[in-house]
PDB file of all heavy atoms in Angstrom:
ATOM      1  N   SER A   1      44.742  51.230 -80.206  1.00  0.00           N
ATOM      2  CA  SER A   1      45.516  50.021 -80.755  1.00  0.00           C
ATOM      3  C   SER A   1      45.989  49.212 -79.502  1.00  0.00           C
ATOM      4  O   SER A   1      46.083  49.643 -78.399  1.00  0.00           O
ATOM      5  CB  SER A   1      46.720  50.426 -81.546  1.00  0.00           C
ATOM      6  OG  SER A   1      47.754  51.019 -80.812  1.00  0.00           O
ATOM      7  N   PRO A   2      46.399  47.967 -79.717  1.00  0.00           N
ATOM      8  CA  PRO A   2      46.934  47.116 -78.532  1.00  0.00           C
ATOM      9  C   PRO A   2      48.163  47.771 -78.013  1.00  0.00           C
ATOM     10  O   PRO A   2      48.317  47.793 -76.706  1.00  0.00           O
ATOM     11  CB  PRO A   2      47.291  45.760 -79.305  1.00  0.00           C
ATOM     12  CG  PRO A   2      46.465  45.600 -80.467  1.00  0.00           C
ATOM     13  CD  PRO A   2      46.260  47.058 -80.965  1.00  0.00           C
ATOM     14  N   ASN A   3      48.943  48.363 -78.785  1.00  0.00           N
ATOM     15  CA  ASN A   3      50.192  49.019 -78.209  1.00  0.00           C
ATOM     16  C   ASN A   3      49.692  50.169 -77.329  1.00  0.00           C
ATOM     17  O   ASN A   3      50.396  50.468 -76.317  1.00  0.00           O
ATOM     18  CB  ASN A   3      51.088  49.516 -79.368  1.00  0.00           C
ATOM     19  CG  ASN A   3      51.848  48.336 -79.972  1.00  0.00           C
ATOM     20  OD1 ASN A   3      51.871  47.211 -79.383  1.00  0.00           O
ATOM     21  ND2 ASN A   3      52.276  48.558 -81.165  1.00  0.00           N
ATOM     22  N   LYS A   4      48.780  51.047 -77.768  1.00  0.00           N
ATOM     23  CA  LYS A   4      48.322  52.207 -77.102  1.00  0.00           C
ATOM     24  C   LYS A   4      47.546  51.706 -75.713  1.00  0.00           C
ATOM     25  O   LYS A   4      47.816  52.268 -74.672  1.00  0.00           O
ATOM     26  CB  LYS A   4      47.350  53.022 -77.907  1.00  0.00           C
ATOM     27  CG  LYS A   4      46.950  54.181 -77.282  1.00  0.00           C
ATOM     28  CD  LYS A   4      48.066  55.198 -77.050  1.00  0.00           C
ATOM     29  CE  LYS A   4      47.566  56.498 -76.484  1.00  0.00           C
ATOM     30  NZ  LYS A   4      48.641  57.419 -76.139  1.00  0.00           N
ATOM     31  N   LEU A   5      46.841  50.464 -75.773  1.00  0.00           N
ATOM     32  CA  LEU A   5      46.345  50.102 -74.559  1.00  0.00           C
ATOM     33  C   LEU A   5      47.238  49.706 -73.492  1.00  0.00           C
ATOM     34  O   LEU A   5      47.068  50.049 -72.397  1.00  0.00           O
ATOM     35  CB  LEU A   5      45.407  48.898 -74.888  1.00  0.00           C
ATOM     36  CG  LEU A   5      44.131  48.993 -75.595  1.00  0.00           C
ATOM     37  CD1 LEU A   5      43.475  47.713 -75.959  1.00  0.00           C
ATOM     38  CD2 LEU A   5      43.097  49.844 -74.762  1.00  0.00           C
ATOM     39  N   ILE A   6      48.250  49.121 -73.947  1.00  0.00           N
ATOM     40  CA  ILE A   6      49.441  48.791 -72.923  1.00  0.00           C
ATOM     41  C   ILE A   6      50.034  50.009 -72.325  1.00  0.00           C
ATOM     42  O   ILE A   6      50.221  50.248 -71.148  1.00  0.00           O
ATOM     43  CB  ILE A   6      50.410  47.944 -73.547  1.00  0.00           C
ATOM     44  CG1 ILE A   6      49.891  46.502 -73.834  1.00  0.00           C
ATOM     45  CG2 ILE A   6      51.759  47.797 -72.696  1.00  0.00           C
ATOM     46  CD1 ILE A   6      50.766  45.479 -74.468  1.00  0.00           C
ATOM     47  N   GLU A   7      50.196  51.010 -73.161  1.00  0.00           N
ATOM     48  CA  GLU A   7      50.718  52.370 -72.687  1.00  0.00           C
ATOM     49  C   GLU A   7      49.794  52.957 -71.829  1.00  0.00           C
ATOM     50  O   GLU A   7      50.149  53.466 -70.762  1.00  0.00           O
ATOM     51  CB  GLU A   7      50.872  53.309 -74.015  1.00  0.00           C
ATOM     52  CG  GLU A   7      51.498  54.651 -73.598  1.00  0.00           C
ATOM     53  CD  GLU A   7      51.713  55.519 -74.734  1.00  0.00           C
ATOM     54  OE1 GLU A   7      51.834  55.095 -75.944  1.00  0.00           O
ATOM     55  OE2 GLU A   7      51.601  56.767 -74.523  1.00  0.00           O
ATOM     56  N   MET A   8      48.495  52.866 -72.073  1.00  0.00           N
ATOM     57  CA  MET A   8      47.470  53.489 -71.162  1.00  0.00           C
ATOM     58  C   MET A   8      47.521  52.831 -69.822  1.00  0.00           C
ATOM     59  O   MET A   8      47.299  53.398 -68.739  1.00  0.00           O
ATOM     60  CB  MET A   8      46.134  53.525 -71.849  1.00  0.00           C
ATOM     61  CG  MET A   8      45.991  54.461 -73.103  1.00  0.00           C
ATOM     62  SD  MET A   8      44.524  54.030 -74.042  1.00  0.00           S
ATOM     63  CE  MET A   8      43.168  54.716 -72.876  1.00  0.00           C
ATOM     64  N   LEU A   9      47.654  51.424 -69.819  1.00  0.00           N
ATOM     65  CA  LEU A   9      47.651  50.686 -68.657  1.00  0.00           C
ATOM     66  C   LEU A   9      48.937  50.960 -67.816  1.00  0.00           C
ATOM     67  O   LEU A   9      48.869  51.149 -66.552  1.00  0.00           O
ATOM     68  CB  LEU A   9      47.707  49.099 -68.902  1.00  0.00           C
ATOM     69  CG  LEU A   9      46.289  48.536 -69.407  1.00  0.00           C
ATOM     70  CD1 LEU A   9      46.518  47.137 -69.898  1.00  0.00           C
ATOM     71  CD2 LEU A   9      45.313  48.569 -68.203  1.00  0.00           C
ATOM     72  N   LEU A  10      50.060  51.148 -68.396  1.00  0.00           N
ATOM     73  CA  LEU A  10      51.289  51.538 -67.792  1.00  0.00           C
ATOM     74  C   LEU A  10      51.158  52.940 -67.149  1.00  0.00           C
ATOM     75  O   LEU A  10      51.493  53.090 -65.856  1.00  0.00           O
ATOM     76  CB  LEU A  10      52.506  51.482 -68.677  1.00  0.00           C
ATOM     77  CG  LEU A  10      52.862  50.016 -69.025  1.00  0.00           C
ATOM     78  CD1 LEU A  10      53.894  50.084 -70.238  1.00  0.00           C
ATOM     79  CD2 LEU A  10      53.432  49.271 -67.895  1.00  0.00           C
ATOM     80  N   GLN A  11      50.541  53.860 -67.822  1.00  0.00           N
ATOM     81  CA  GLN A  11      50.367  55.154 -67.390  1.00  0.00           C
ATOM     82  C   GLN A  11      49.432  55.159 -66.061  1.00  0.00           C
ATOM     83  O   GLN A  11      49.688  55.739 -65.122  1.00  0.00           O
ATOM     84  CB  GLN A  11      49.702  56.093 -68.439  1.00  0.00           C
ATOM     85  CG  GLN A  11      50.621  56.484 -69.567  1.00  0.00           C
ATOM     86  CD  GLN A  11      50.014  57.153 -70.679  1.00  0.00           C
ATOM     87  OE1 GLN A  11      48.716  57.028 -70.890  1.00  0.00           O
ATOM     88  NE2 GLN A  11      50.864  57.957 -71.397  1.00  0.00           N
ATOM     89  N   ALA A  12      48.473  54.441 -66.154  1.00  0.00           N
ATOM     90  CA  ALA A  12      47.448  54.273 -65.045  1.00  0.00           C
ATOM     91  C   ALA A  12      48.094  53.658 -63.886  1.00  0.00           C
ATOM     92  O   ALA A  12      47.874  54.022 -62.666  1.00  0.00           O
ATOM     93  CB  ALA A  12      46.225  53.543 -65.500  1.00  0.00           C
ATOM     94  N   ALA A  13      48.859  52.577 -64.146  1.00  0.00           N
ATOM     95  CA  ALA A  13      49.538  51.901 -63.070  1.00  0.00           C
ATOM     96  C   ALA A  13      50.509  52.869 -62.327  1.00  0.00           C
ATOM     97  O   ALA A  13      50.629  52.980 -60.974  1.00  0.00           O
ATOM     98  CB  ALA A  13      50.394  50.769 -63.581  1.00  0.00           C
ATOM     99  N   VAL A  14      51.214  53.624 -63.029  1.00  0.00           N
ATOM    100  CA  VAL A  14      52.166  54.695 -62.509  1.00  0.00           C
ATOM    101  C   VAL A  14      51.375  55.661 -61.484  1.00  0.00           C
ATOM    102  O   VAL A  14      51.714  55.998 -60.473  1.00  0.00           O
ATOM    103  CB  VAL A  14      52.995  55.445 -63.502  1.00  0.00           C
ATOM    104  CG1 VAL A  14      53.702  56.683 -62.868  1.00  0.00           C
ATOM    105  CG2 VAL A  14      54.056  54.485 -64.262  1.00  0.00           C
ATOM    106  N   LYS A  15      50.315  56.147 -62.179  1.00  0.00           N
ATOM    107  CA  LYS A  15      49.433  57.176 -61.481  1.00  0.00           C
ATOM    108  C   LYS A  15      48.869  56.499 -60.145  1.00  0.00           C
ATOM    109  O   LYS A  15      49.079  57.184 -58.960  1.00  0.00           O
ATOM    110  CB  LYS A  15      48.151  57.477 -62.408  1.00  0.00           C
ATOM    111  CG  LYS A  15      47.217  58.418 -61.561  1.00  0.00           C
ATOM    112  CD  LYS A  15      46.081  58.778 -62.426  1.00  0.00           C
ATOM    113  CE  LYS A  15      44.900  57.862 -62.127  1.00  0.00           C
ATOM    114  NZ  LYS A  15      43.706  58.061 -62.853  1.00  0.00           N
ATOM    115  N   HIS A  16      48.411  55.301 -60.178  1.00  0.00           N
ATOM    116  CA  HIS A  16      47.788  54.744 -58.994  1.00  0.00           C
ATOM    117  C   HIS A  16      48.867  54.464 -57.872  1.00  0.00           C
ATOM    118  O   HIS A  16      48.592  54.543 -56.775  1.00  0.00           O
ATOM    119  CB  HIS A  16      47.092  53.497 -59.317  1.00  0.00           C
ATOM    120  CG  HIS A  16      45.793  53.842 -59.966  1.00  0.00           C
ATOM    121  ND1 HIS A  16      44.735  54.556 -59.576  1.00  0.00           N
ATOM    122  CD2 HIS A  16      45.332  53.483 -61.283  1.00  0.00           C
ATOM    123  CE1 HIS A  16      43.637  54.744 -60.366  1.00  0.00           C
ATOM    124  NE2 HIS A  16      44.097  54.049 -61.463  1.00  0.00           N
ATOM    125  N   VAL A  17      50.011  53.829 -58.292  1.00  0.00           N
ATOM    126  CA  VAL A  17      51.239  53.622 -57.405  1.00  0.00           C
ATOM    127  C   VAL A  17      51.558  54.933 -56.747  1.00  0.00           C
ATOM    128  O   VAL A  17      51.709  54.974 -55.446  1.00  0.00           O
ATOM    129  CB  VAL A  17      52.382  52.953 -57.987  1.00  0.00           C
ATOM    130  CG1 VAL A  17      53.591  52.994 -57.054  1.00  0.00           C
ATOM    131  CG2 VAL A  17      51.992  51.669 -58.691  1.00  0.00           C
ATOM    132  N   LYS A  18      51.684  56.098 -57.556  1.00  0.00           N
ATOM    133  CA  LYS A  18      52.038  57.392 -56.799  1.00  0.00           C
ATOM    134  C   LYS A  18      51.018  57.901 -55.986  1.00  0.00           C
ATOM    135  O   LYS A  18      51.221  58.291 -54.696  1.00  0.00           O
ATOM    136  CB  LYS A  18      52.347  58.366 -57.981  1.00  0.00           C
ATOM    137  CG  LYS A  18      53.737  58.079 -58.611  1.00  0.00           C
ATOM    138  CD  LYS A  18      54.095  59.029 -59.722  1.00  0.00           C
ATOM    139  CE  LYS A  18      55.397  58.670 -60.365  1.00  0.00           C
ATOM    140  NZ  LYS A  18      55.794  59.753 -61.416  1.00  0.00           N
ATOM    141  N   LEU A  19      49.741  57.763 -56.287  1.00  0.00           N
ATOM    142  CA  LEU A  19      48.769  58.186 -55.429  1.00  0.00           C
ATOM    143  C   LEU A  19      48.629  57.272 -54.134  1.00  0.00           C
ATOM    144  O   LEU A  19      48.401  57.880 -53.065  1.00  0.00           O
ATOM    145  CB  LEU A  19      47.345  58.143 -56.218  1.00  0.00           C
ATOM    146  CG  LEU A  19      47.122  59.128 -57.282  1.00  0.00           C
ATOM    147  CD1 LEU A  19      45.791  58.848 -58.047  1.00  0.00           C
ATOM    148  CD2 LEU A  19      47.102  60.525 -56.695  1.00  0.00           C
ATOM    149  N   GLY A  20      48.811  56.032 -54.349  1.00  0.00           N
ATOM    150  CA  GLY A  20      48.924  55.109 -53.152  1.00  0.00           C
ATOM    151  C   GLY A  20      50.178  55.478 -52.273  1.00  0.00           C
ATOM    152  O   GLY A  20      49.964  55.555 -50.999  1.00  0.00           O
ATOM    153  N   GLN A  21      51.263  55.921 -52.806  1.00  0.00           N
ATOM    154  CA  GLN A  21      52.492  56.268 -52.061  1.00  0.00           C
ATOM    155  C   GLN A  21      52.096  57.506 -51.255  1.00  0.00           C
ATOM    156  O   GLN A  21      52.553  57.687 -50.132  1.00  0.00           O
ATOM    157  CB  GLN A  21      53.506  56.383 -53.022  1.00  0.00           C
ATOM    158  CG  GLN A  21      54.831  56.878 -52.407  1.00  0.00           C
ATOM    159  CD  GLN A  21      56.037  56.826 -53.457  1.00  0.00           C
ATOM    160  OE1 GLN A  21      55.794  56.861 -54.672  1.00  0.00           O
ATOM    161  NE2 GLN A  21      57.111  57.274 -52.989  1.00  0.00           N
ATOM    162  N   ILE A  22      51.432  58.582 -51.919  1.00  0.00           N
ATOM    163  CA  ILE A  22      51.178  59.728 -51.359  1.00  0.00           C
ATOM    164  C   ILE A  22      50.260  59.478 -50.111  1.00  0.00           C
ATOM    165  O   ILE A  22      50.269  60.013 -49.025  1.00  0.00           O
ATOM    166  CB  ILE A  22      50.588  60.636 -52.341  1.00  0.00           C
ATOM    167  CG1 ILE A  22      51.515  61.333 -53.244  1.00  0.00           C
ATOM    168  CG2 ILE A  22      49.759  61.868 -51.540  1.00  0.00           C
ATOM    169  CD1 ILE A  22      51.137  61.973 -54.590  1.00  0.00           C
ATOM    170  N   ALA A  23      49.184  58.599 -50.342  1.00  0.00           N
ATOM    171  CA  ALA A  23      48.162  58.238 -49.326  1.00  0.00           C
ATOM    172  C   ALA A  23      48.938  57.671 -48.076  1.00  0.00           C
ATOM    173  O   ALA A  23      48.551  57.898 -47.052  1.00  0.00           O
ATOM    174  CB  ALA A  23      47.141  57.488 -49.866  1.00  0.00           C
ATOM    175  N   ILE A  24      49.979  56.843 -48.393  1.00  0.00           N
ATOM    176  CA  ILE A  24      50.700  56.270 -47.231  1.00  0.00           C
ATOM    177  C   ILE A  24      51.272  57.282 -46.458  1.00  0.00           C
ATOM    178  O   ILE A  24      51.254  57.286 -45.138  1.00  0.00           O
ATOM    179  CB  ILE A  24      51.650  55.134 -47.720  1.00  0.00           C
ATOM    180  CG1 ILE A  24      50.930  53.929 -48.244  1.00  0.00           C
ATOM    181  CG2 ILE A  24      52.614  54.748 -46.664  1.00  0.00           C
ATOM    182  CD1 ILE A  24      51.793  52.965 -49.037  1.00  0.00           C
ATOM    183  N   THR A  25      51.985  58.199 -47.169  1.00  0.00           N
ATOM    184  CA  THR A  25      52.737  59.293 -46.380  1.00  0.00           C
ATOM    185  C   THR A  25      51.780  60.225 -45.685  1.00  0.00           C
ATOM    186  O   THR A  25      52.250  60.881 -44.685  1.00  0.00           O
ATOM    187  CB  THR A  25      53.658  60.093 -47.376  1.00  0.00           C
ATOM    188  OG1 THR A  25      52.970  60.608 -48.387  1.00  0.00           O
ATOM    189  CG2 THR A  25      54.729  59.083 -47.982  1.00  0.00           C
ATOM    190  N   GLU A  26      50.577  60.340 -46.166  1.00  0.00           N
ATOM    191  CA  GLU A  26      49.652  61.212 -45.482  1.00  0.00           C
ATOM    192  C   GLU A  26      48.747  60.424 -44.420  1.00  0.00           C
ATOM    193  O   GLU A  26      47.749  60.996 -44.025  1.00  0.00           O
ATOM    194  CB  GLU A  26      48.797  61.932 -46.549  1.00  0.00           C
ATOM    195  CG  GLU A  26      49.573  62.936 -47.419  1.00  0.00           C
ATOM    196  CD  GLU A  26      48.623  63.644 -48.565  1.00  0.00           C
ATOM    197  OE1 GLU A  26      47.491  63.173 -48.640  1.00  0.00           O
ATOM    198  OE2 GLU A  26      49.189  64.452 -49.149  1.00  0.00           O
ATOM    199  N   ALA A  27      49.108  59.181 -44.236  1.00  0.00           N
ATOM    200  CA  ALA A  27      48.420  58.362 -43.198  1.00  0.00           C
ATOM    201  C   ALA A  27      46.933  58.244 -43.582  1.00  0.00           C
ATOM    202  O   ALA A  27      46.106  58.517 -42.801  1.00  0.00           O
ATOM    203  CB  ALA A  27      48.566  58.962 -41.687  1.00  0.00           C
ATOM    204  N   GLN A  28      46.717  57.865 -44.861  1.00  0.00           N
ATOM    205  CA  GLN A  28      45.299  57.565 -45.287  1.00  0.00           C
ATOM    206  C   GLN A  28      45.247  56.158 -45.784  1.00  0.00           C
ATOM    207  O   GLN A  28      45.294  55.879 -47.012  1.00  0.00           O
ATOM    208  CB  GLN A  28      44.899  58.663 -46.481  1.00  0.00           C
ATOM    209  CG  GLN A  28      44.952  60.003 -46.041  1.00  0.00           C
ATOM    210  CD  GLN A  28      44.578  60.962 -47.246  1.00  0.00           C
ATOM    211  OE1 GLN A  28      44.748  60.575 -48.285  1.00  0.00           O
ATOM    212  NE2 GLN A  28      44.093  62.076 -46.872  1.00  0.00           N
ATOM    213  N   PRO A  29      45.184  55.258 -44.815  1.00  0.00           N
ATOM    214  CA  PRO A  29      45.255  53.796 -45.128  1.00  0.00           C
ATOM    215  C   PRO A  29      44.281  53.319 -46.233  1.00  0.00           C
ATOM    216  O   PRO A  29      44.638  52.525 -47.124  1.00  0.00           O
ATOM    217  CB  PRO A  29      45.460  52.985 -43.877  1.00  0.00           C
ATOM    218  CG  PRO A  29      44.672  53.946 -42.902  1.00  0.00           C
ATOM    219  CD  PRO A  29      45.009  55.341 -43.368  1.00  0.00           C
ATOM    220  N   ALA A  30      43.079  53.772 -46.018  1.00  0.00           N
ATOM    221  CA  ALA A  30      41.995  53.189 -46.907  1.00  0.00           C
ATOM    222  C   ALA A  30      42.306  53.773 -48.413  1.00  0.00           C
ATOM    223  O   ALA A  30      42.100  52.848 -49.307  1.00  0.00           O
ATOM    224  CB  ALA A  30      40.585  53.634 -46.404  1.00  0.00           C
ATOM    225  N   LYS A  31      42.699  54.871 -48.510  1.00  0.00           N
ATOM    226  CA  LYS A  31      43.001  55.472 -49.703  1.00  0.00           C
ATOM    227  C   LYS A  31      44.232  54.826 -50.352  1.00  0.00           C
ATOM    228  O   LYS A  31      44.221  54.541 -51.624  1.00  0.00           O
ATOM    229  CB  LYS A  31      43.262  56.991 -49.623  1.00  0.00           C
ATOM    230  CG  LYS A  31      43.296  57.678 -51.158  1.00  0.00           C
ATOM    231  CD  LYS A  31      43.290  59.106 -51.008  1.00  0.00           C
ATOM    232  CE  LYS A  31      43.607  59.775 -52.423  1.00  0.00           C
ATOM    233  NZ  LYS A  31      43.677  61.148 -52.299  1.00  0.00           N
ATOM    234  N   ALA A  32      45.193  54.505 -49.540  1.00  0.00           N
ATOM    235  CA  ALA A  32      46.362  53.962 -49.949  1.00  0.00           C
ATOM    236  C   ALA A  32      46.072  52.517 -50.566  1.00  0.00           C
ATOM    237  O   ALA A  32      46.537  52.071 -51.616  1.00  0.00           O
ATOM    238  CB  ALA A  32      47.432  53.736 -49.018  1.00  0.00           C
ATOM    239  N   HIS A  33      45.179  51.802 -49.821  1.00  0.00           N
ATOM    240  CA  HIS A  33      44.754  50.415 -50.163  1.00  0.00           C
ATOM    241  C   HIS A  33      44.031  50.481 -51.580  1.00  0.00           C
ATOM    242  O   HIS A  33      44.313  49.668 -52.391  1.00  0.00           O
ATOM    243  CB  HIS A  33      43.881  49.811 -49.136  1.00  0.00           C
ATOM    244  CG  HIS A  33      43.247  48.509 -49.502  1.00  0.00           C
ATOM    245  ND1 HIS A  33      43.969  47.331 -49.602  1.00  0.00           N
ATOM    246  CD2 HIS A  33      41.956  48.227 -49.943  1.00  0.00           C
ATOM    247  CE1 HIS A  33      43.247  46.359 -49.837  1.00  0.00           C
ATOM    248  NE2 HIS A  33      42.021  46.887 -50.192  1.00  0.00           N
ATOM    249  N   GLN A  34      43.100  51.480 -51.705  1.00  0.00           N
ATOM    250  CA  GLN A  34      42.325  51.548 -52.800  1.00  0.00           C
ATOM    251  C   GLN A  34      43.192  51.777 -54.147  1.00  0.00           C
ATOM    252  O   GLN A  34      43.161  51.119 -55.101  1.00  0.00           O
ATOM    253  CB  GLN A  34      41.387  52.602 -52.787  1.00  0.00           C
ATOM    254  CG  GLN A  34      40.495  52.889 -54.021  1.00  0.00           C
ATOM    255  CD  GLN A  34      39.621  54.187 -53.847  1.00  0.00           C
ATOM    256  OE1 GLN A  34      40.053  55.089 -53.268  1.00  0.00           O
ATOM    257  NE2 GLN A  34      38.437  54.143 -54.465  1.00  0.00           N
ATOM    258  N   GLN A  35      44.173  52.634 -54.000  1.00  0.00           N
ATOM    259  CA  GLN A  35      45.129  53.027 -55.102  1.00  0.00           C
ATOM    260  C   GLN A  35      46.101  51.856 -55.466  1.00  0.00           C
ATOM    261  O   GLN A  35      46.240  51.563 -56.552  1.00  0.00           O
ATOM    262  CB  GLN A  35      45.830  54.326 -54.830  1.00  0.00           C
ATOM    263  CG  GLN A  35      44.991  55.500 -54.728  1.00  0.00           C
ATOM    264  CD  GLN A  35      44.146  55.867 -56.049  1.00  0.00           C
ATOM    265  OE1 GLN A  35      44.704  55.457 -57.060  1.00  0.00           O
ATOM    266  NE2 GLN A  35      42.900  56.342 -55.839  1.00  0.00           N
ATOM    267  N   LEU A  36      46.675  51.244 -54.430  1.00  0.00           N
ATOM    268  CA  LEU A  36      47.640  50.233 -54.706  1.00  0.00           C
ATOM    269  C   LEU A  36      46.836  49.009 -55.172  1.00  0.00           C
ATOM    270  O   LEU A  36      47.576  48.339 -56.080  1.00  0.00           O
ATOM    271  CB  LEU A  36      48.411  49.906 -53.325  1.00  0.00           C
ATOM    272  CG  LEU A  36      49.287  51.040 -52.789  1.00  0.00           C
ATOM    273  CD1 LEU A  36      49.853  50.607 -51.480  1.00  0.00           C
ATOM    274  CD2 LEU A  36      50.377  51.463 -53.914  1.00  0.00           C
ATOM    275  N   THR A  37      45.673  48.731 -54.789  1.00  0.00           N
ATOM    276  CA  THR A  37      44.968  47.619 -55.322  1.00  0.00           C
ATOM    277  C   THR A  37      44.639  47.834 -56.840  1.00  0.00           C
ATOM    278  O   THR A  37      44.716  46.942 -57.492  1.00  0.00           O
ATOM    279  CB  THR A  37      43.660  47.399 -54.524  1.00  0.00           C
ATOM    280  OG1 THR A  37      44.035  47.145 -53.128  1.00  0.00           O
ATOM    281  CG2 THR A  37      42.938  46.178 -55.045  1.00  0.00           C
ATOM    282  N   LYS A  38      44.326  49.046 -57.159  1.00  0.00           N
ATOM    283  CA  LYS A  38      44.181  49.320 -58.591  1.00  0.00           C
ATOM    284  C   LYS A  38      45.357  49.072 -59.418  1.00  0.00           C
ATOM    285  O   LYS A  38      45.315  48.455 -60.414  1.00  0.00           O
ATOM    286  CB  LYS A  38      43.672  50.797 -58.709  1.00  0.00           C
ATOM    287  CG  LYS A  38      42.297  51.042 -58.312  1.00  0.00           C
ATOM    288  CD  LYS A  38      41.881  52.380 -58.559  1.00  0.00           C
ATOM    289  CE  LYS A  38      40.452  52.757 -58.099  1.00  0.00           C
ATOM    290  NZ  LYS A  38      40.049  54.139 -58.426  1.00  0.00           N
ATOM    291  N   ALA A  39      46.520  49.479 -58.936  1.00  0.00           N
ATOM    292  CA  ALA A  39      47.786  49.292 -59.575  1.00  0.00           C
ATOM    293  C   ALA A  39      48.108  47.776 -59.621  1.00  0.00           C
ATOM    294  O   ALA A  39      48.596  47.255 -60.698  1.00  0.00           O
ATOM    295  CB  ALA A  39      48.834  50.112 -58.849  1.00  0.00           C
ATOM    296  N   GLN A  40      47.808  46.988 -58.526  1.00  0.00           N
ATOM    297  CA  GLN A  40      48.061  45.540 -58.610  1.00  0.00           C
ATOM    298  C   GLN A  40      47.066  44.889 -59.646  1.00  0.00           C
ATOM    299  O   GLN A  40      47.593  44.086 -60.365  1.00  0.00           O
ATOM    300  CB  GLN A  40      47.750  44.995 -57.203  1.00  0.00           C
ATOM    301  CG  GLN A  40      48.604  45.317 -56.106  1.00  0.00           C
ATOM    302  CD  GLN A  40      48.109  44.843 -54.747  1.00  0.00           C
ATOM    303  OE1 GLN A  40      47.887  45.838 -53.949  1.00  0.00           O
ATOM    304  NE2 GLN A  40      48.064  43.697 -54.544  1.00  0.00           N
ATOM    305  N   ASN A  41      45.950  45.336 -59.836  1.00  0.00           N
ATOM    306  CA  ASN A  41      45.049  44.743 -60.824  1.00  0.00           C
ATOM    307  C   ASN A  41      45.482  44.989 -62.228  1.00  0.00           C
ATOM    308  O   ASN A  41      45.446  44.203 -62.993  1.00  0.00           O
ATOM    309  CB  ASN A  41      43.514  45.221 -60.635  1.00  0.00           C
ATOM    310  CG  ASN A  41      42.905  44.658 -59.390  1.00  0.00           C
ATOM    311  OD1 ASN A  41      43.200  43.595 -58.913  1.00  0.00           O
ATOM    312  ND2 ASN A  41      41.949  45.389 -58.756  1.00  0.00           N
ATOM    313  N   ILE A  42      46.030  46.232 -62.461  1.00  0.00           N
ATOM    314  CA  ILE A  42      46.613  46.505 -63.638  1.00  0.00           C
ATOM    315  C   ILE A  42      47.842  45.547 -64.007  1.00  0.00           C
ATOM    316  O   ILE A  42      48.012  45.142 -65.072  1.00  0.00           O
ATOM    317  CB  ILE A  42      46.973  48.062 -63.817  1.00  0.00           C
ATOM    318  CG1 ILE A  42      45.866  48.914 -63.799  1.00  0.00           C
ATOM    319  CG2 ILE A  42      47.913  48.316 -64.977  1.00  0.00           C
ATOM    320  CD1 ILE A  42      46.017  50.376 -63.492  1.00  0.00           C
TER     321      ILE A  42
END
């Protein structure tokens, strides 16, 4: 449903931001960029 789609997008955004954050702290700039860009697109 439209409501479920928004929920799924929010869940994916949280996931990608957290993965980007982890990549930054682990000094993996390419991975951080990839994850944060996915969250930005969401």
